[in-house]
PDB file of all heavy atoms in Angstrom:
ATOM      1  N   PRO A   1       0.806  -1.224  -0.001  1.00  0.00           N
ATOM      2  CA  PRO A   1       0.010  -0.004  -0.014  1.00  0.00           C
ATOM      3  C   PRO A   1       0.834   1.288  -0.002  1.00  0.00           C
ATOM      4  O   PRO A   1       0.286   2.354  -0.236  1.00  0.00           O
ATOM      5  CB  PRO A   1      -0.812  -0.122   1.291  1.00  0.00           C
ATOM      6  CG  PRO A   1      -0.877  -1.581   1.570  1.00  0.00           C
ATOM      7  CD  PRO A   1       0.432  -2.130   1.104  1.00  0.00           C
ATOM      8  N   LEU A   2       2.131   1.175   0.253  1.00  0.00           N
ATOM      9  CA  LEU A   2       2.999   2.346   0.250  1.00  0.00           C
ATOM     10  C   LEU A   2       2.948   3.075  -1.112  1.00  0.00           C
ATOM     11  O   LEU A   2       3.164   4.269  -1.191  1.00  0.00           O
ATOM     12  CB  LEU A   2       4.448   1.980   0.560  1.00  0.00           C
ATOM     13  CG  LEU A   2       4.733   1.488   1.978  1.00  0.00           C
ATOM     14  CD1 LEU A   2       6.145   0.945   2.082  1.00  0.00           C
ATOM     15  CD2 LEU A   2       4.546   2.662   2.977  1.00  0.00           C
ATOM     16  N   ARG A   3       2.657   2.300  -2.174  1.00  0.00           N
ATOM     17  CA  ARG A   3       2.659   2.908  -3.518  1.00  0.00           C
ATOM     18  C   ARG A   3       1.628   4.009  -3.637  1.00  0.00           C
ATOM     19  O   ARG A   3       1.840   5.007  -4.323  1.00  0.00           O
ATOM     20  CB  ARG A   3       2.403   1.803  -4.565  1.00  0.00           C
ATOM     21  CG  ARG A   3       1.071   1.127  -4.416  1.00  0.00           C
ATOM     22  CD  ARG A   3       0.967  -0.174  -5.188  1.00  0.00           C
ATOM     23  NE  ARG A   3      -0.285  -0.848  -4.921  1.00  0.00           N
ATOM     24  CZ  ARG A   3      -0.548  -2.091  -5.258  1.00  0.00           C
ATOM     25  NH1 ARG A   3       0.362  -2.809  -5.887  1.00  0.00           N
ATOM     26  NH2 ARG A   3      -1.728  -2.628  -5.015  1.00  0.00           N
ATOM     27  N   ASP A   4       0.481   3.853  -2.976  1.00  0.00           N
ATOM     28  CA  ASP A   4      -0.569   4.850  -3.083  1.00  0.00           C
ATOM     29  C   ASP A   4      -0.241   6.127  -2.295  1.00  0.00           C
ATOM     30  O   ASP A   4      -0.746   7.187  -2.616  1.00  0.00           O
ATOM     31  CB  ASP A   4      -1.912   4.279  -2.603  1.00  0.00           C
ATOM     32  CG  ASP A   4      -2.474   3.276  -3.591  1.00  0.00           C
ATOM     33  OD1 ASP A   4      -2.306   3.488  -4.801  1.00  0.00           O
ATOM     34  OD2 ASP A   4      -3.068   2.279  -3.151  1.00  0.00           O
ATOM     35  N   LEU A   5       0.586   5.990  -1.261  1.00  0.00           N
ATOM     36  CA  LEU A   5       1.040   7.192  -0.561  1.00  0.00           C
ATOM     37  C   LEU A   5       1.792   8.101  -1.546  1.00  0.00           C
ATOM     38  O   LEU A   5       1.695   9.333  -1.457  1.00  0.00           O
ATOM     39  CB  LEU A   5       1.961   6.802   0.590  1.00  0.00           C
ATOM     40  CG  LEU A   5       1.314   6.088   1.762  1.00  0.00           C
ATOM     41  CD1 LEU A   5       2.352   5.712   2.809  1.00  0.00           C
ATOM     42  CD2 LEU A   5       0.244   6.986   2.401  1.00  0.00           C
ATOM     43  N   TRP A   6       2.554   7.486  -2.471  1.00  0.00           N
ATOM     44  CA  TRP A   6       3.265   8.255  -3.457  1.00  0.00           C
ATOM     45  C   TRP A   6       2.348   8.671  -4.607  1.00  0.00           C
ATOM     46  O   TRP A   6       2.299   9.872  -4.965  1.00  0.00           O
ATOM     47  CB  TRP A   6       4.453   7.491  -4.004  1.00  0.00           C
ATOM     48  CG  TRP A   6       5.244   8.285  -4.978  1.00  0.00           C
ATOM     49  CD1 TRP A   6       5.057   8.389  -6.326  1.00  0.00           C
ATOM     50  CD2 TRP A   6       6.285   9.223  -4.671  1.00  0.00           C
ATOM     51  NE1 TRP A   6       5.921   9.284  -6.897  1.00  0.00           N
ATOM     52  CE2 TRP A   6       6.695   9.808  -5.887  1.00  0.00           C
ATOM     53  CE3 TRP A   6       6.920   9.580  -3.480  1.00  0.00           C
ATOM     54  CZ2 TRP A   6       7.722  10.736  -5.954  1.00  0.00           C
ATOM     55  CZ3 TRP A   6       7.960  10.520  -3.544  1.00  0.00           C
ATOM     56  CH2 TRP A   6       8.334  11.085  -4.763  1.00  0.00           C
ATOM     57  N   LEU A   7       1.646   7.717  -5.203  1.00  0.00           N
ATOM     58  CA  LEU A   7       0.873   8.003  -6.403  1.00  0.00           C
ATOM     59  C   LEU A   7      -0.253   9.015  -6.141  1.00  0.00           C
ATOM     60  O   LEU A   7      -0.448   9.929  -6.954  1.00  0.00           O
ATOM     61  CB  LEU A   7       0.281   6.693  -6.949  1.00  0.00           C
ATOM     62  CG  LEU A   7       1.318   5.678  -7.456  1.00  0.00           C
ATOM     63  CD1 LEU A   7       0.609   4.363  -7.793  1.00  0.00           C
ATOM     64  CD2 LEU A   7       2.071   6.206  -8.662  1.00  0.00           C
ATOM     65  N   GLU A   8      -0.953   8.845  -5.044  1.00  0.00           N
ATOM     66  CA  GLU A   8      -2.066   9.774  -4.719  1.00  0.00           C
ATOM     67  C   GLU A   8      -1.606  10.935  -3.852  1.00  0.00           C
ATOM     68  O   GLU A   8      -1.870  12.094  -4.150  1.00  0.00           O
ATOM     69  CB  GLU A   8      -3.194   9.007  -4.025  1.00  0.00           C
ATOM     70  CG  GLU A   8      -3.854   7.947  -4.890  1.00  0.00           C
ATOM     71  CD  GLU A   8      -5.007   7.290  -4.181  1.00  0.00           C
ATOM     72  OE1 GLU A   8      -5.843   7.992  -3.581  1.00  0.00           O
ATOM     73  OE2 GLU A   8      -5.092   6.020  -4.188  1.00  0.00           O
ATOM     74  N   GLY A   9      -0.907  10.598  -2.752  1.00  0.00           N
ATOM     75  CA  GLY A   9      -0.560  11.625  -1.783  1.00  0.00           C
ATOM     76  C   GLY A   9       0.486  12.596  -2.278  1.00  0.00           C
ATOM     77  O   GLY A   9       0.368  13.824  -2.058  1.00  0.00           O
ATOM     78  N   VAL A  10       1.526  12.103  -2.967  1.00  0.00           N
ATOM     79  CA  VAL A  10       2.614  12.975  -3.413  1.00  0.00           C
ATOM     80  C   VAL A  10       2.387  13.410  -4.868  1.00  0.00           C
ATOM     81  O   VAL A  10       2.465  14.612  -5.166  1.00  0.00           O
ATOM     82  CB  VAL A  10       3.982  12.262  -3.281  1.00  0.00           C
ATOM     83  CG1 VAL A  10       5.089  13.139  -3.824  1.00  0.00           C
ATOM     84  CG2 VAL A  10       4.238  11.880  -1.829  1.00  0.00           C
ATOM     85  N   SER A  11       2.124  12.461  -5.755  1.00  0.00           N
ATOM     86  CA  SER A  11       1.997  12.814  -7.171  1.00  0.00           C
ATOM     87  C   SER A  11       0.682  13.456  -7.508  1.00  0.00           C
ATOM     88  O   SER A  11       0.538  14.078  -8.572  1.00  0.00           O
ATOM     89  CB  SER A  11       2.181  11.550  -8.035  1.00  0.00           C
ATOM     90  OG  SER A  11       3.484  11.028  -7.882  1.00  0.00           O
ATOM     91  N   GLY A  12      -0.320  13.298  -6.641  1.00  0.00           N
ATOM     92  CA  GLY A  12      -1.613  13.956  -6.863  1.00  0.00           C
ATOM     93  C   GLY A  12      -2.500  13.310  -7.898  1.00  0.00           C
ATOM     94  O   GLY A  12      -3.448  13.918  -8.376  1.00  0.00           O
ATOM     95  N   LEU A  13      -2.232  12.020  -8.204  1.00  0.00           N
ATOM     96  CA  LEU A  13      -3.111  11.333  -9.141  1.00  0.00           C
ATOM     97  C   LEU A  13      -4.467  11.070  -8.470  1.00  0.00           C
ATOM     98  O   LEU A  13      -4.551  10.858  -7.281  1.00  0.00           O
ATOM     99  CB  LEU A  13      -2.491  10.000  -9.563  1.00  0.00           C
ATOM    100  CG  LEU A  13      -1.228  10.052 -10.425  1.00  0.00           C
ATOM    101  CD1 LEU A  13      -0.797   8.622 -10.755  1.00  0.00           C
ATOM    102  CD2 LEU A  13      -1.453  10.840 -11.705  1.00  0.00           C
ATOM    103  N   SER A  14      -5.515  11.049  -9.292  1.00  0.00           N
ATOM    104  CA  SER A  14      -6.815  10.651  -8.790  1.00  0.00           C
ATOM    105  C   SER A  14      -6.756   9.155  -8.404  1.00  0.00           C
ATOM    106  O   SER A  14      -5.843   8.442  -8.844  1.00  0.00           O
ATOM    107  CB  SER A  14      -7.878  10.867  -9.854  1.00  0.00           C
ATOM    108  OG  SER A  14      -7.624  10.029 -10.972  1.00  0.00           O
ATOM    109  N   GLN A  15      -7.719   8.703  -7.677  1.00  0.00           N
ATOM    110  CA  GLN A  15      -7.695   7.306  -7.223  1.00  0.00           C
ATOM    111  C   GLN A  15      -7.727   6.359  -8.438  1.00  0.00           C
ATOM    112  O   GLN A  15      -7.032   5.341  -8.452  1.00  0.00           O
ATOM    113  CB  GLN A  15      -8.892   7.009  -6.315  1.00  0.00           C
ATOM    114  CG  GLN A  15      -8.851   5.599  -5.732  1.00  0.00           C
ATOM    115  CD  GLN A  15     -10.005   5.311  -4.788  1.00  0.00           C
ATOM    116  OE1 GLN A  15     -10.990   6.066  -4.758  1.00  0.00           O
ATOM    117  NE2 GLN A  15      -9.900   4.238  -3.994  1.00  0.00           N
ATOM    118  N   SER A  16      -8.522   6.711  -9.444  1.00  0.00           N
ATOM    119  CA  SER A  16      -8.606   5.837 -10.626  1.00  0.00           C
ATOM    120  C   SER A  16      -7.300   5.787 -11.390  1.00  0.00           C
ATOM    121  O   SER A  16      -6.876   4.700 -11.835  1.00  0.00           O
ATOM    122  CB  SER A  16      -9.745   6.311 -11.532  1.00  0.00           C
ATOM    123  OG  SER A  16      -9.477   7.653 -11.994  1.00  0.00           O
ATOM    124  N   LEU A  17      -6.627   6.936 -11.527  1.00  0.00           N
ATOM    125  CA  LEU A  17      -5.339   6.921 -12.228  1.00  0.00           C
ATOM    126  C   LEU A  17      -4.263   6.212 -11.389  1.00  0.00           C
ATOM    127  O   LEU A  17      -3.370   5.555 -11.943  1.00  0.00           O
ATOM    128  CB  LEU A  17      -4.876   8.353 -12.545  1.00  0.00           C
ATOM    129  CG  LEU A  17      -5.560   9.051 -13.741  1.00  0.00           C
ATOM    130  CD1 LEU A  17      -5.064  10.480 -13.865  1.00  0.00           C
ATOM    131  CD2 LEU A  17      -5.327   8.271 -15.027  1.00  0.00           C
ATOM    132  N   ALA A  18      -4.349   6.343 -10.069  1.00  0.00           N
ATOM    133  CA  ALA A  18      -3.368   5.645  -9.202  1.00  0.00           C
ATOM    134  C   ALA A  18      -3.522   4.148  -9.344  1.00  0.00           C
ATOM    135  O   ALA A  18      -2.518   3.414  -9.439  1.00  0.00           O
ATOM    136  CB  ALA A  18      -3.591   6.085  -7.746  1.00  0.00           C
ATOM    137  N   VAL A  19      -4.754   3.649  -9.366  1.00  0.00           N
ATOM    138  CA  VAL A  19      -5.004   2.220  -9.579  1.00  0.00           C
ATOM    139  C   VAL A  19      -4.480   1.804 -10.946  1.00  0.00           C
ATOM    140  O   VAL A  19      -3.870   0.710 -11.088  1.00  0.00           O
ATOM    141  CB  VAL A  19      -6.503   1.888  -9.422  1.00  0.00           C
ATOM    142  CG1 VAL A  19      -6.792   0.450  -9.837  1.00  0.00           C
ATOM    143  CG2 VAL A  19      -6.939   2.120  -7.991  1.00  0.00           C
ATOM    144  N   PHE A  20      -4.670   2.635 -11.920  1.00  0.00           N
ATOM    145  CA  PHE A  20      -4.200   2.360 -13.267  1.00  0.00           C
ATOM    146  C   PHE A  20      -2.677   2.238 -13.303  1.00  0.00           C
ATOM    147  O   PHE A  20      -2.109   1.469 -14.113  1.00  0.00           O
ATOM    148  CB  PHE A  20      -4.639   3.507 -14.197  1.00  0.00           C
ATOM    149  CG  PHE A  20      -4.484   3.236 -15.651  1.00  0.00           C
ATOM    150  CD1 PHE A  20      -5.462   2.593 -16.368  1.00  0.00           C
ATOM    151  CD2 PHE A  20      -3.349   3.672 -16.329  1.00  0.00           C
ATOM    152  CE1 PHE A  20      -5.318   2.341 -17.725  1.00  0.00           C
ATOM    153  CE2 PHE A  20      -3.178   3.428 -17.690  1.00  0.00           C
ATOM    154  CZ  PHE A  20      -4.166   2.762 -18.387  1.00  0.00           C
ATOM    155  N   ALA A  21      -2.000   2.938 -12.390  1.00  0.00           N
ATOM    156  CA  ALA A  21      -0.521   2.936 -12.370  1.00  0.00           C
ATOM    157  C   ALA A  21       0.078   1.786 -11.601  1.00  0.00           C
ATOM    158  O   ALA A  21       1.294   1.562 -11.648  1.00  0.00           O
ATOM    159  CB  ALA A  21      -0.032   4.271 -11.785  1.00  0.00           C
ATOM    160  N   HIS A  22      -0.742   1.014 -10.859  1.00  0.00           N
ATOM    161  CA  HIS A  22      -0.213  -0.047  -9.992  1.00  0.00           C
ATOM    162  C   HIS A  22       0.608  -1.058 -10.766  1.00  0.00           C
ATOM    163  O   HIS A  22       1.775  -1.351 -10.400  1.00  0.00           O
ATOM    164  CB  HIS A  22      -1.353  -0.749  -9.255  1.00  0.00           C
ATOM    165  CG  HIS A  22      -1.909   0.024  -8.125  1.00  0.00           C
ATOM    166  ND1 HIS A  22      -3.030  -0.360  -7.392  1.00  0.00           N
ATOM    167  CD2 HIS A  22      -1.542   1.228  -7.595  1.00  0.00           C
ATOM    168  CE1 HIS A  22      -3.289   0.536  -6.476  1.00  0.00           C
ATOM    169  NE2 HIS A  22      -2.424   1.509  -6.580  1.00  0.00           N
ATOM    170  N   LEU A  23       0.021  -1.652 -11.777  1.00  0.00           N
ATOM    171  CA  LEU A  23       0.704  -2.731 -12.505  1.00  0.00           C
ATOM    172  C   LEU A  23       1.961  -2.227 -13.222  1.00  0.00           C
ATOM    173  O   LEU A  23       3.020  -2.879 -13.118  1.00  0.00           O
ATOM    174  CB  LEU A  23      -0.267  -3.398 -13.503  1.00  0.00           C
ATOM    175  CG  LEU A  23       0.305  -4.613 -14.278  1.00  0.00           C
ATOM    176  CD1 LEU A  23       0.854  -5.650 -13.310  1.00  0.00           C
ATOM    177  CD2 LEU A  23      -0.789  -5.213 -15.167  1.00  0.00           C
ATOM    178  N   PRO A  24       1.938  -1.084 -13.931  1.00  0.00           N
ATOM    179  CA  PRO A  24       3.177  -0.593 -14.515  1.00  0.00           C
ATOM    180  C   PRO A  24       4.297  -0.379 -13.495  1.00  0.00           C
ATOM    181  O   PRO A  24       5.457  -0.676 -13.763  1.00  0.00           O
ATOM    182  CB  PRO A  24       2.770   0.744 -15.170  1.00  0.00           C
ATOM    183  CG  PRO A  24       1.317   0.580 -15.475  1.00  0.00           C
ATOM    184  CD  PRO A  24       0.787  -0.274 -14.362  1.00  0.00           C
ATOM    185  N   LEU A  25       3.939   0.105 -12.320  1.00  0.00           N
ATOM    186  CA  LEU A  25       4.944   0.311 -11.276  1.00  0.00           C
ATOM    187  C   LEU A  25       5.523  -1.001 -10.782  1.00  0.00           C
ATOM    188  O   LEU A  25       6.748  -1.138 -10.577  1.00  0.00           O
ATOM    189  CB  LEU A  25       4.355   1.098 -10.106  1.00  0.00           C
ATOM    190  CG  LEU A  25       5.281   1.390  -8.927  1.00  0.00           C
ATOM    191  CD1 LEU A  25       6.499   2.218  -9.407  1.00  0.00           C
ATOM    192  CD2 LEU A  25       4.550   2.130  -7.816  1.00  0.00           C
ATOM    193  N   MET A  26       4.688  -2.013 -10.613  1.00  0.00           N
ATOM    194  CA  MET A  26       5.177  -3.315 -10.188  1.00  0.00           C
ATOM    195  C   MET A  26       6.128  -3.925 -11.227  1.00  0.00           C
ATOM    196  O   MET A  26       7.161  -4.512 -10.880  1.00  0.00           O
ATOM    197  CB  MET A  26       4.003  -4.262  -9.898  1.00  0.00           C
ATOM    198  CG  MET A  26       3.235  -3.907  -8.621  1.00  0.00           C
ATOM    199  SD  MET A  26       1.981  -5.154  -8.181  1.00  0.00           S
ATOM    200  CE  MET A  26       0.686  -4.762  -9.340  1.00  0.00           C
ATOM    201  N   ILE A  27       5.756  -3.750 -12.499  1.00  0.00           N
ATOM    202  CA  ILE A  27       6.630  -4.303 -13.549  1.00  0.00           C
ATOM    203  C   ILE A  27       7.990  -3.641 -13.544  1.00  0.00           C
ATOM    204  O   ILE A  27       9.026  -4.271 -13.717  1.00  0.00           O
ATOM    205  CB  ILE A  27       5.956  -4.135 -14.920  1.00  0.00           C
ATOM    206  CG1 ILE A  27       4.676  -4.993 -14.996  1.00  0.00           C
ATOM    207  CG2 ILE A  27       6.894  -4.480 -16.075  1.00  0.00           C
ATOM    208  CD1 ILE A  27       3.771  -4.672 -16.176  1.00  0.00           C
TER     209      ILE A  27
END
């Protein structure tokens, strides 16, 4: 769950875009 602290909290992505970014980040 640390990824969402960055994607949403720091980068300011919406929740839907943050979820969209999960798999690319893992890869």
